């Protein structure tokens, strides 16, 4: 297998594997079985766009504009805090179980907007893709193969997470299970939000 391709695949997969706001959101939608394909496609395409921008020379965009980075950390921190409180509310009222058992589809537009904010207003995404992946790609002459490997990792991860979440559905049939999941997601959001605010204040 091409060394550049394998390196790109492994780097991208290792970076995206960490539990973050986007991954938690994809997992939750997968468990709810709502707009799973749309969410998986959106996250994959977003990641691919950022990976390609990083590899083909735009990794310096974020690092050269300190004010832009700070604004993004603040916006991302506020949004993650809000989403964390929303999941705390869900844990208290157990509305996620009701949502999971509701046959009516949730609003696709609102779901995609939420996913877009969790994706594009997360500064760490730019650090991982534009800067880190973009910088590492310079080491390889076959930057195209490096990019293909990184993009394939993104595709495999998001589709596996989104559709693989259904395997957990039998374990999520109780009110308590959804409350625990919402509490875990809320905790992740608050930790990430705190880390973002630390970058500014």
C-alpha atoms as a PDB file:
ATOM      1  CA  UNK A   1       0.000   0.000   0.000  1.00  0.00           C
ATOM      2  CA  UNK A   2       1.210   3.533  -0.803  1.00  0.00           C
ATOM      3  CA  UNK A   3       3.045   4.983   2.221  1.00  0.00           C
ATOM      4  CA  UNK A   4       1.539   8.457   1.785  1.00  0.00           C
ATOM      5  CA  UNK A   5      -1.969   7.007   1.500  1.00  0.00           C
ATOM      6  CA  UNK A   6      -1.558   4.895   4.638  1.00  0.00           C
ATOM      7  CA  UNK A   7      -0.019   7.781   6.599  1.00  0.00           C
ATOM      8  CA  UNK A   8      -2.869  10.094   5.634  1.00  0.00           C
ATOM      9  CA  UNK A   9      -5.439   7.473   6.571  1.00  0.00           C
ATOM     10  CA  UNK A  10      -3.912   6.719   9.978  1.00  0.00           C
ATOM     11  CA  UNK A  11      -3.333  10.382  10.887  1.00  0.00           C
ATOM     12  CA  UNK A  12      -6.839  11.446   9.925  1.00  0.00           C
ATOM     13  CA  UNK A  13      -8.469   8.492  11.671  1.00  0.00           C
ATOM     14  CA  UNK A  14      -6.498   9.036  14.887  1.00  0.00           C
ATOM     15  CA  UNK A  15      -7.407  12.726  14.982  1.00  0.00           C
ATOM     16  CA  UNK A  16     -11.098  12.216  14.311  1.00  0.00           C
ATOM     17  CA  UNK A  17     -11.402   9.303  16.742  1.00  0.00           C
ATOM     18  CA  UNK A  18     -11.411  11.571  19.795  1.00  0.00           C
ATOM     19  CA  UNK A  19     -14.875  12.181  21.217  1.00  0.00           C
ATOM     20  CA  UNK A  20     -15.890  15.727  20.378  1.00  0.00           C
ATOM     21  CA  UNK A  21     -19.105  17.708  19.919  1.00  0.00           C
ATOM     22  CA  UNK A  22     -19.495  16.606  16.298  1.00  0.00           C
ATOM     23  CA  UNK A  23     -18.964  12.918  17.076  1.00  0.00           C
ATOM     24  CA  UNK A  24     -21.359  13.033  20.030  1.00  0.00           C
ATOM     25  CA  UNK A  25     -23.992  14.659  17.822  1.00  0.00           C
ATOM     26  CA  UNK A  26     -23.549  12.052  15.059  1.00  0.00           C
ATOM     27  CA  UNK A  27     -23.785   9.246  17.614  1.00  0.00           C
ATOM     28  CA  UNK A  28     -26.977  10.658  19.070  1.00  0.00           C
ATOM     29  CA  UNK A  29     -28.625  11.061  15.653  1.00  0.00           C
ATOM     30  CA  UNK A  30     -27.600   7.508  14.808  1.00  0.00           C
ATOM     31  CA  UNK A  31     -29.274   6.234  17.964  1.00  0.00           C
ATOM     32  CA  UNK A  32     -32.380   8.265  17.164  1.00  0.00           C
ATOM     33  CA  UNK A  33     -32.309   6.862  13.579  1.00  0.00           C
ATOM     34  CA  UNK A  34     -33.175  10.284  12.200  1.00  0.00           C
ATOM     35  CA  UNK A  35     -31.479  11.877   9.171  1.00  0.00           C
ATOM     36  CA  UNK A  36     -28.550   9.509   9.628  1.00  0.00           C
ATOM     37  CA  UNK A  37     -27.458   9.511   5.975  1.00  0.00           C
ATOM     38  CA  UNK A  38     -27.717  13.301   5.696  1.00  0.00           C
ATOM     39  CA  UNK A  39     -25.661  13.820   8.864  1.00  0.00           C
ATOM     40  CA  UNK A  40     -23.004  11.293   7.829  1.00  0.00           C
ATOM     41  CA  UNK A  41     -22.710  12.898   4.381  1.00  0.00           C
ATOM     42  CA  UNK A  42     -22.550  16.427   5.786  1.00  0.00           C
ATOM     43  CA  UNK A  43     -19.826  15.593   8.301  1.00  0.00           C
ATOM     44  CA  UNK A  44     -17.811  13.613   5.752  1.00  0.00           C
ATOM     45  CA  UNK A  45     -17.993  16.319   3.077  1.00  0.00           C
ATOM     46  CA  UNK A  46     -17.142  19.043   5.610  1.00  0.00           C
ATOM     47  CA  UNK A  47     -14.114  17.097   6.784  1.00  0.00           C
ATOM     48  CA  UNK A  48     -12.984  16.374   3.225  1.00  0.00           C
ATOM     49  CA  UNK A  49     -13.221  20.062   2.292  1.00  0.00           C
ATOM     50  CA  UNK A  50     -11.096  21.051   5.300  1.00  0.00           C
ATOM     51  CA  UNK A  51      -8.565  18.266   4.702  1.00  0.00           C
ATOM     52  CA  UNK A  52      -8.084  19.272   1.077  1.00  0.00           C
ATOM     53  CA  UNK A  53      -7.787  22.947   2.016  1.00  0.00           C
ATOM     54  CA  UNK A  54      -5.121  22.031   4.548  1.00  0.00           C
ATOM     55  CA  UNK A  55      -3.149  19.836   2.167  1.00  0.00           C
ATOM     56  CA  UNK A  56      -3.209  22.277  -0.714  1.00  0.00           C
ATOM     57  CA  UNK A  57      -1.827  25.255   1.130  1.00  0.00           C
ATOM     58  CA  UNK A  58      -4.422  26.975   3.298  1.00  0.00           C
ATOM     59  CA  UNK A  59      -3.157  25.759   6.652  1.00  0.00           C
ATOM     60  CA  UNK A  60      -1.859  29.219   7.486  1.00  0.00           C
ATOM     61  CA  UNK A  61      -5.261  30.924   7.276  1.00  0.00           C
ATOM     62  CA  UNK A  62      -6.267  30.363  10.896  1.00  0.00           C
ATOM     63  CA  UNK A  63      -2.774  30.708  12.368  1.00  0.00           C
ATOM     64  CA  UNK A  64      -2.179  34.083  10.658  1.00  0.00           C
ATOM     65  CA  UNK A  65      -5.334  35.694  12.037  1.00  0.00           C
ATOM     66  CA  UNK A  66      -5.231  35.693  15.836  1.00  0.00           C
ATOM     67  CA  UNK A  67      -8.452  37.692  16.190  1.00  0.00           C
ATOM     68  CA  UNK A  68     -10.333  35.231  13.993  1.00  0.00           C
ATOM     69  CA  UNK A  69      -9.117  32.336  16.132  1.00  0.00           C
ATOM     70  CA  UNK A  70     -10.229  34.066  19.326  1.00  0.00           C
ATOM     71  CA  UNK A  71     -13.687  34.852  17.963  1.00  0.00           C
ATOM     72  CA  UNK A  72     -14.107  31.242  16.899  1.00  0.00           C
ATOM     73  CA  UNK A  73     -13.071  29.956  20.325  1.00  0.00           C
ATOM     74  CA  UNK A  74     -15.613  32.252  22.015  1.00  0.00           C
ATOM     75  CA  UNK A  75     -18.456  31.362  19.620  1.00  0.00           C
ATOM     76  CA  UNK A  76     -17.613  27.682  19.845  1.00  0.00           C
ATOM     77  CA  UNK A  77     -17.463  27.800  23.646  1.00  0.00           C
ATOM     78  CA  UNK A  78     -20.830  29.547  23.936  1.00  0.00           C
ATOM     79  CA  UNK A  79     -22.512  27.161  21.501  1.00  0.00           C
ATOM     80  CA  UNK A  80     -21.100  24.068  23.217  1.00  0.00           C
ATOM     81  CA  UNK A  81     -22.248  25.385  26.599  1.00  0.00           C
ATOM     82  CA  UNK A  82     -25.746  25.920  25.210  1.00  0.00           C
ATOM     83  CA  UNK A  83     -25.828  22.433  23.707  1.00  0.00           C
ATOM     84  CA  UNK A  84     -24.565  21.033  27.016  1.00  0.00           C
ATOM     85  CA  UNK A  85     -27.406  22.686  28.939  1.00  0.00           C
ATOM     86  CA  UNK A  86     -29.852  21.403  26.319  1.00  0.00           C
ATOM     87  CA  UNK A  87     -28.653  17.841  26.949  1.00  0.00           C
ATOM     88  CA  UNK A  88     -28.854  18.394  30.730  1.00  0.00           C
ATOM     89  CA  UNK A  89     -32.465  19.407  30.213  1.00  0.00           C
ATOM     90  CA  UNK A  90     -32.945  16.282  28.124  1.00  0.00           C
ATOM     91  CA  UNK A  91     -31.468  14.129  30.893  1.00  0.00           C
ATOM     92  CA  UNK A  92     -33.779  15.724  33.475  1.00  0.00           C
ATOM     93  CA  UNK A  93     -36.971  15.434  31.429  1.00  0.00           C
ATOM     94  CA  UNK A  94     -35.979  12.202  29.615  1.00  0.00           C
ATOM     95  CA  UNK A  95     -37.217  13.715  26.347  1.00  0.00           C
ATOM     96  CA  UNK A  96     -34.594  11.855  24.299  1.00  0.00           C
ATOM     97  CA  UNK A  97     -36.444   8.579  24.861  1.00  0.00           C
ATOM     98  CA  UNK A  98     -39.652  10.255  23.704  1.00  0.00           C
ATOM     99  CA  UNK A  99     -37.827  11.629  20.672  1.00  0.00           C
ATOM    100  CA  UNK A 100     -36.369   8.208  19.869  1.00  0.00           C
ATOM    101  CA  UNK A 101     -39.784   6.534  20.053  1.00  0.00           C
ATOM    102  CA  UNK A 102     -41.567   9.283  18.099  1.00  0.00           C
ATOM    103  CA  UNK A 103     -42.401   8.253  14.540  1.00  0.00           C
ATOM    104  CA  UNK A 104     -42.473  11.838  13.284  1.00  0.00           C
ATOM    105  CA  UNK A 105     -39.286  13.102  11.655  1.00  0.00           C
ATOM    106  CA  UNK A 106     -37.449  15.971  13.310  1.00  0.00           C
ATOM    107  CA  UNK A 107     -36.760  19.033  11.196  1.00  0.00           C
ATOM    108  CA  UNK A 108     -33.877  18.222   8.834  1.00  0.00           C
ATOM    109  CA  UNK A 109     -32.971  21.884   8.383  1.00  0.00           C
ATOM    110  CA  UNK A 110     -32.584  22.458  12.123  1.00  0.00           C
ATOM    111  CA  UNK A 111     -30.613  19.240  12.538  1.00  0.00           C
ATOM    112  CA  UNK A 112     -28.198  20.251   9.762  1.00  0.00           C
ATOM    113  CA  UNK A 113     -27.824  23.772  11.170  1.00  0.00           C
ATOM    114  CA  UNK A 114     -26.927  22.337  14.566  1.00  0.00           C
ATOM    115  CA  UNK A 115     -24.485  19.920  12.957  1.00  0.00           C
ATOM    116  CA  UNK A 116     -22.951  22.737  10.890  1.00  0.00           C
ATOM    117  CA  UNK A 117     -22.322  24.904  13.940  1.00  0.00           C
ATOM    118  CA  UNK A 118     -20.833  22.007  15.913  1.00  0.00           C
ATOM    119  CA  UNK A 119     -18.594  21.294  12.914  1.00  0.00           C
ATOM    120  CA  UNK A 120     -17.547  24.664  11.515  1.00  0.00           C
ATOM    121  CA  UNK A 121     -17.405  26.665  14.762  1.00  0.00           C
ATOM    122  CA  UNK A 122     -15.105  24.196  16.457  1.00  0.00           C
ATOM    123  CA  UNK A 123     -11.590  25.714  16.260  1.00  0.00           C
ATOM    124  CA  UNK A 124      -9.984  22.348  16.964  1.00  0.00           C
ATOM    125  CA  UNK A 125     -11.311  21.090  13.641  1.00  0.00           C
ATOM    126  CA  UNK A 126      -9.223  23.713  11.851  1.00  0.00           C
ATOM    127  CA  UNK A 127      -6.177  22.915  13.953  1.00  0.00           C
ATOM    128  CA  UNK A 128      -6.483  19.210  13.083  1.00  0.00           C
ATOM    129  CA  UNK A 129      -7.258  19.584   9.384  1.00  0.00           C
ATOM    130  CA  UNK A 130      -5.951  22.882   8.018  1.00  0.00           C
ATOM    131  CA  UNK A 131      -2.848  23.092  10.175  1.00  0.00           C
ATOM    132  CA  UNK A 132      -1.829  19.624  11.391  1.00  0.00           C
ATOM    133  CA  UNK A 133      -2.842  17.485   8.400  1.00  0.00           C
ATOM    134  CA  UNK A 134      -1.766  20.264   6.040  1.00  0.00           C
ATOM    135  CA  UNK A 135       1.658  20.457   7.669  1.00  0.00           C
ATOM    136  CA  UNK A 136       2.262  16.691   7.757  1.00  0.00           C
ATOM    137  CA  UNK A 137       1.283  16.370   4.081  1.00  0.00           C
ATOM    138  CA  UNK A 138       4.335  18.457   3.124  1.00  0.00           C
ATOM    139  CA  UNK A 139       6.536  15.499   4.063  1.00  0.00           C
ATOM    140  CA  UNK A 140       5.165  13.457   1.169  1.00  0.00           C
ATOM    141  CA  UNK A 141       5.683  13.938  -2.549  1.00  0.00           C
ATOM    142  CA  UNK A 142       2.436  12.050  -3.161  1.00  0.00           C
ATOM    143  CA  UNK A 143       0.288  14.632  -1.402  1.00  0.00           C
ATOM    144  CA  UNK A 144      -2.709  13.547  -3.474  1.00  0.00           C
ATOM    145  CA  UNK A 145      -2.466   9.997  -2.115  1.00  0.00           C
ATOM    146  CA  UNK A 146      -1.990  11.382   1.384  1.00  0.00           C
ATOM    147  CA  UNK A 147      -5.192  13.397   0.946  1.00  0.00           C
ATOM    148  CA  UNK A 148      -7.100  10.414  -0.443  1.00  0.00           C
ATOM    149  CA  UNK A 149      -6.091   8.346   2.583  1.00  0.00           C
ATOM    150  CA  UNK A 150      -7.155  11.103   4.986  1.00  0.00           C
ATOM    151  CA  UNK A 151     -10.496  11.574   3.198  1.00  0.00           C
ATOM    152  CA  UNK A 152     -11.204   7.832   3.150  1.00  0.00           C
ATOM    153  CA  UNK A 153     -10.609   7.683   6.914  1.00  0.00           C
ATOM    154  CA  UNK A 154     -13.175  10.447   7.401  1.00  0.00           C
ATOM    155  CA  UNK A 155     -15.727   8.652   5.206  1.00  0.00           C
ATOM    156  CA  UNK A 156     -15.291   5.323   6.995  1.00  0.00           C
ATOM    157  CA  UNK A 157     -15.401   6.877  10.462  1.00  0.00           C
ATOM    158  CA  UNK A 158     -18.527   9.015  10.109  1.00  0.00           C
ATOM    159  CA  UNK A 159     -20.572   6.396   8.275  1.00  0.00           C
ATOM    160  CA  UNK A 160     -19.497   3.711  10.750  1.00  0.00           C
ATOM    161  CA  UNK A 161     -20.363   5.952  13.714  1.00  0.00           C
ATOM    162  CA  UNK A 162     -23.712   7.082  12.279  1.00  0.00           C
ATOM    163  CA  UNK A 163     -24.991   3.712  11.098  1.00  0.00           C
ATOM    164  CA  UNK A 164     -23.115   1.611  13.659  1.00  0.00           C
ATOM    165  CA  UNK A 165     -24.921   3.464  16.438  1.00  0.00           C
ATOM    166  CA  UNK A 166     -28.014   1.423  15.548  1.00  0.00           C
ATOM    167  CA  UNK A 167     -26.303  -1.635  17.003  1.00  0.00           C
ATOM    168  CA  UNK A 168     -26.595   0.083  20.398  1.00  0.00           C
ATOM    169  CA  UNK A 169     -30.327   0.694  19.978  1.00  0.00           C
ATOM    170  CA  UNK A 170     -31.380  -2.402  21.983  1.00  0.00           C
ATOM    171  CA  UNK A 171     -29.420  -1.020  24.943  1.00  0.00           C
ATOM    172  CA  UNK A 172     -31.087   2.395  24.594  1.00  0.00           C
ATOM    173  CA  UNK A 173     -34.676   1.284  25.043  1.00  0.00           C
ATOM    174  CA  UNK A 174     -34.954   2.570  28.604  1.00  0.00           C
ATOM    175  CA  UNK A 175     -35.411   6.048  30.026  1.00  0.00           C
ATOM    176  CA  UNK A 176     -32.360   5.672  32.269  1.00  0.00           C
ATOM    177  CA  UNK A 177     -30.057   4.738  29.355  1.00  0.00           C
ATOM    178  CA  UNK A 178     -30.952   7.908  27.454  1.00  0.00           C
ATOM    179  CA  UNK A 179     -30.553  10.014  30.598  1.00  0.00           C
ATOM    180  CA  UNK A 180     -27.038   8.605  31.116  1.00  0.00           C
ATOM    181  CA  UNK A 181     -26.151   9.268  27.463  1.00  0.00           C
ATOM    182  CA  UNK A 182     -27.427  12.851  27.689  1.00  0.00           C
ATOM    183  CA  UNK A 183     -25.423  13.400  30.887  1.00  0.00           C
ATOM    184  CA  UNK A 184     -22.249  12.060  29.245  1.00  0.00           C
ATOM    185  CA  UNK A 185     -22.751  14.251  26.182  1.00  0.00           C
ATOM    186  CA  UNK A 186     -23.436  17.293  28.396  1.00  0.00           C
ATOM    187  CA  UNK A 187     -20.235  16.617  30.351  1.00  0.00           C
ATOM    188  CA  UNK A 188     -18.222  16.360  27.117  1.00  0.00           C
ATOM    189  CA  UNK A 189     -19.715  19.646  25.881  1.00  0.00           C
ATOM    190  CA  UNK A 190     -18.902  21.489  29.117  1.00  0.00           C
ATOM    191  CA  UNK A 191     -15.320  20.181  29.201  1.00  0.00           C
ATOM    192  CA  UNK A 192     -14.735  21.203  25.584  1.00  0.00           C
ATOM    193  CA  UNK A 193     -16.414  24.558  26.165  1.00  0.00           C
ATOM    194  CA  UNK A 194     -14.180  25.228  29.171  1.00  0.00           C
ATOM    195  CA  UNK A 195     -11.073  24.343  27.169  1.00  0.00           C
ATOM    196  CA  UNK A 196     -12.115  26.774  24.420  1.00  0.00           C
ATOM    197  CA  UNK A 197     -12.682  29.634  26.851  1.00  0.00           C
ATOM    198  CA  UNK A 198      -9.254  28.958  28.374  1.00  0.00           C
ATOM    199  CA  UNK A 199      -7.709  29.689  24.974  1.00  0.00           C
ATOM    200  CA  UNK A 200      -9.119  33.226  25.109  1.00  0.00           C
ATOM    201  CA  UNK A 201      -9.268  34.254  28.774  1.00  0.00           C
END
